[in-house]
C-alpha atoms as a PDB file:
ATOM      1  CA  UNK A   1      30.729  22.860  -8.206  1.00  0.00           C
ATOM      2  CA  UNK A   2      32.105  19.355  -8.616  1.00  0.00           C
ATOM      3  CA  UNK A   3      32.283  18.322 -12.365  1.00  0.00           C
ATOM      4  CA  UNK A   4      31.232  14.815 -11.749  1.00  0.00           C
ATOM      5  CA  UNK A   5      27.626  15.875 -10.507  1.00  0.00           C
ATOM      6  CA  UNK A   6      25.287  15.143 -13.168  1.00  0.00           C
ATOM      7  CA  UNK A   7      21.281  15.412 -13.584  1.00  0.00           C
ATOM      8  CA  UNK A   8      19.730  13.415 -16.530  1.00  0.00           C
ATOM      9  CA  UNK A   9      23.270  13.017 -17.876  1.00  0.00           C
ATOM     10  CA  UNK A  10      23.935  16.621 -18.185  1.00  0.00           C
ATOM     11  CA  UNK A  11      26.120  18.865 -16.155  1.00  0.00           C
ATOM     12  CA  UNK A  12      24.179  19.997 -12.944  1.00  0.00           C
ATOM     13  CA  UNK A  13      23.766  23.482 -14.051  1.00  0.00           C
ATOM     14  CA  UNK A  14      21.858  22.379 -17.355  1.00  0.00           C
ATOM     15  CA  UNK A  15      20.194  19.299 -15.885  1.00  0.00           C
ATOM     16  CA  UNK A  16      18.476  21.026 -12.999  1.00  0.00           C
ATOM     17  CA  UNK A  17      16.224  22.998 -15.474  1.00  0.00           C
ATOM     18  CA  UNK A  18      14.699  19.512 -16.553  1.00  0.00           C
ATOM     19  CA  UNK A  19      13.326  19.169 -12.929  1.00  0.00           C
ATOM     20  CA  UNK A  20      11.535  22.579 -13.264  1.00  0.00           C
ATOM     21  CA  UNK A  21      10.106  21.457 -16.609  1.00  0.00           C
ATOM     22  CA  UNK A  22       8.900  18.114 -15.204  1.00  0.00           C
ATOM     23  CA  UNK A  23       7.413  19.834 -12.113  1.00  0.00           C
ATOM     24  CA  UNK A  24       5.476  22.349 -14.362  1.00  0.00           C
ATOM     25  CA  UNK A  25       4.009  19.518 -16.497  1.00  0.00           C
ATOM     26  CA  UNK A  26       3.002  17.604 -13.327  1.00  0.00           C
ATOM     27  CA  UNK A  27       1.228  20.613 -11.976  1.00  0.00           C
ATOM     28  CA  UNK A  28      -0.406  21.222 -15.309  1.00  0.00           C
ATOM     29  CA  UNK A  29      -1.761  17.759 -15.245  1.00  0.00           C
ATOM     30  CA  UNK A  30      -2.914  18.012 -11.720  1.00  0.00           C
ATOM     31  CA  UNK A  31      -4.561  21.326 -12.401  1.00  0.00           C
ATOM     32  CA  UNK A  32      -6.529  19.877 -15.389  1.00  0.00           C
ATOM     33  CA  UNK A  33      -7.822  17.223 -13.038  1.00  0.00           C
ATOM     34  CA  UNK A  34      -9.290  19.762 -10.678  1.00  0.00           C
ATOM     35  CA  UNK A  35     -10.619  21.910 -13.353  1.00  0.00           C
ATOM     36  CA  UNK A  36     -13.142  19.312 -14.142  1.00  0.00           C
ATOM     37  CA  UNK A  37     -15.788  21.167 -11.949  1.00  0.00           C
ATOM     38  CA  UNK A  38     -15.654  24.098 -14.379  1.00  0.00           C
ATOM     39  CA  UNK A  39     -16.570  21.868 -17.368  1.00  0.00           C
ATOM     40  CA  UNK A  40     -19.008  19.609 -15.508  1.00  0.00           C
ATOM     41  CA  UNK A  41     -22.193  21.625 -15.668  1.00  0.00           C
ATOM     42  CA  UNK A  42     -21.991  22.643 -19.356  1.00  0.00           C
ATOM     43  CA  UNK A  43     -21.328  18.961 -20.166  1.00  0.00           C
ATOM     44  CA  UNK A  44     -24.273  17.840 -18.129  1.00  0.00           C
ATOM     45  CA  UNK A  45     -26.594  20.246 -19.937  1.00  0.00           C
ATOM     46  CA  UNK A  46     -25.077  19.215 -23.361  1.00  0.00           C
ATOM     47  CA  UNK A  47     -25.301  15.409 -23.032  1.00  0.00           C
ATOM     48  CA  UNK A  48     -28.396  15.408 -20.486  1.00  0.00           C
ATOM     49  CA  UNK A  49     -26.672  13.423 -17.929  1.00  0.00           C
ATOM     50  CA  UNK A  50     -26.847  13.619 -14.128  1.00  0.00           C
ATOM     51  CA  UNK A  51     -24.136  14.508 -11.742  1.00  0.00           C
ATOM     52  CA  UNK A  52     -23.126  10.992 -11.020  1.00  0.00           C
ATOM     53  CA  UNK A  53     -22.643  10.073 -14.629  1.00  0.00           C
ATOM     54  CA  UNK A  54     -20.749  13.402 -15.339  1.00  0.00           C
ATOM     55  CA  UNK A  55     -18.563  12.896 -12.221  1.00  0.00           C
ATOM     56  CA  UNK A  56     -17.459   9.217 -13.520  1.00  0.00           C
ATOM     57  CA  UNK A  57     -14.454  10.548 -15.551  1.00  0.00           C
ATOM     58  CA  UNK A  58     -13.269  12.484 -12.613  1.00  0.00           C
ATOM     59  CA  UNK A  59     -13.554   9.709 -10.301  1.00  0.00           C
ATOM     60  CA  UNK A  60     -11.818   7.188 -12.535  1.00  0.00           C
ATOM     61  CA  UNK A  61      -8.836   9.578 -13.244  1.00  0.00           C
ATOM     62  CA  UNK A  62      -8.342  10.307  -9.565  1.00  0.00           C
ATOM     63  CA  UNK A  63      -8.450   6.555  -8.766  1.00  0.00           C
ATOM     64  CA  UNK A  64      -6.001   5.836 -11.622  1.00  0.00           C
ATOM     65  CA  UNK A  65      -3.567   8.626 -10.294  1.00  0.00           C
ATOM     66  CA  UNK A  66      -3.767   7.053  -6.700  1.00  0.00           C
ATOM     67  CA  UNK A  67      -3.182   3.392  -8.029  1.00  0.00           C
ATOM     68  CA  UNK A  68      -0.113   4.552 -10.151  1.00  0.00           C
ATOM     69  CA  UNK A  69       1.159   6.796  -7.228  1.00  0.00           C
ATOM     70  CA  UNK A  70       0.888   3.646  -4.920  1.00  0.00           C
ATOM     71  CA  UNK A  71       2.587   1.238  -7.548  1.00  0.00           C
ATOM     72  CA  UNK A  72       5.523   3.795  -7.972  1.00  0.00           C
ATOM     73  CA  UNK A  73       5.916   4.341  -4.212  1.00  0.00           C
ATOM     74  CA  UNK A  74       5.987   0.587  -3.542  1.00  0.00           C
ATOM     75  CA  UNK A  75       8.563  -0.410  -6.322  1.00  0.00           C
ATOM     76  CA  UNK A  76      11.856  -0.737  -4.769  1.00  0.00           C
ATOM     77  CA  UNK A  77      14.640   1.530  -6.166  1.00  0.00           C
ATOM     78  CA  UNK A  78      17.147  -0.055  -8.521  1.00  0.00           C
ATOM     79  CA  UNK A  79      20.714  -0.401  -7.249  1.00  0.00           C
ATOM     80  CA  UNK A  80      23.435   1.256  -9.143  1.00  0.00           C
ATOM     81  CA  UNK A  81      26.780  -0.493  -8.955  1.00  0.00           C
ATOM     82  CA  UNK A  82      29.735   1.651  -9.507  1.00  0.00           C
END
């Protein structure tokens, strides 16, 4: 492998493991969003709220994820001059 290939400032062999760690963290965050349905019923009973009120945090989080995703996809990439 070419020695000049780098990922996150490390040699490619070591830097590629950072992508796996980042992917794991992203999947963990997305899984916690979708596990909300497991906690919803007990929280509704505990706080005596309805389905609409208990779903509000889920709705806001998903809306925020969508907004952040749209902003990051629309942002033009930076040019790197050699």
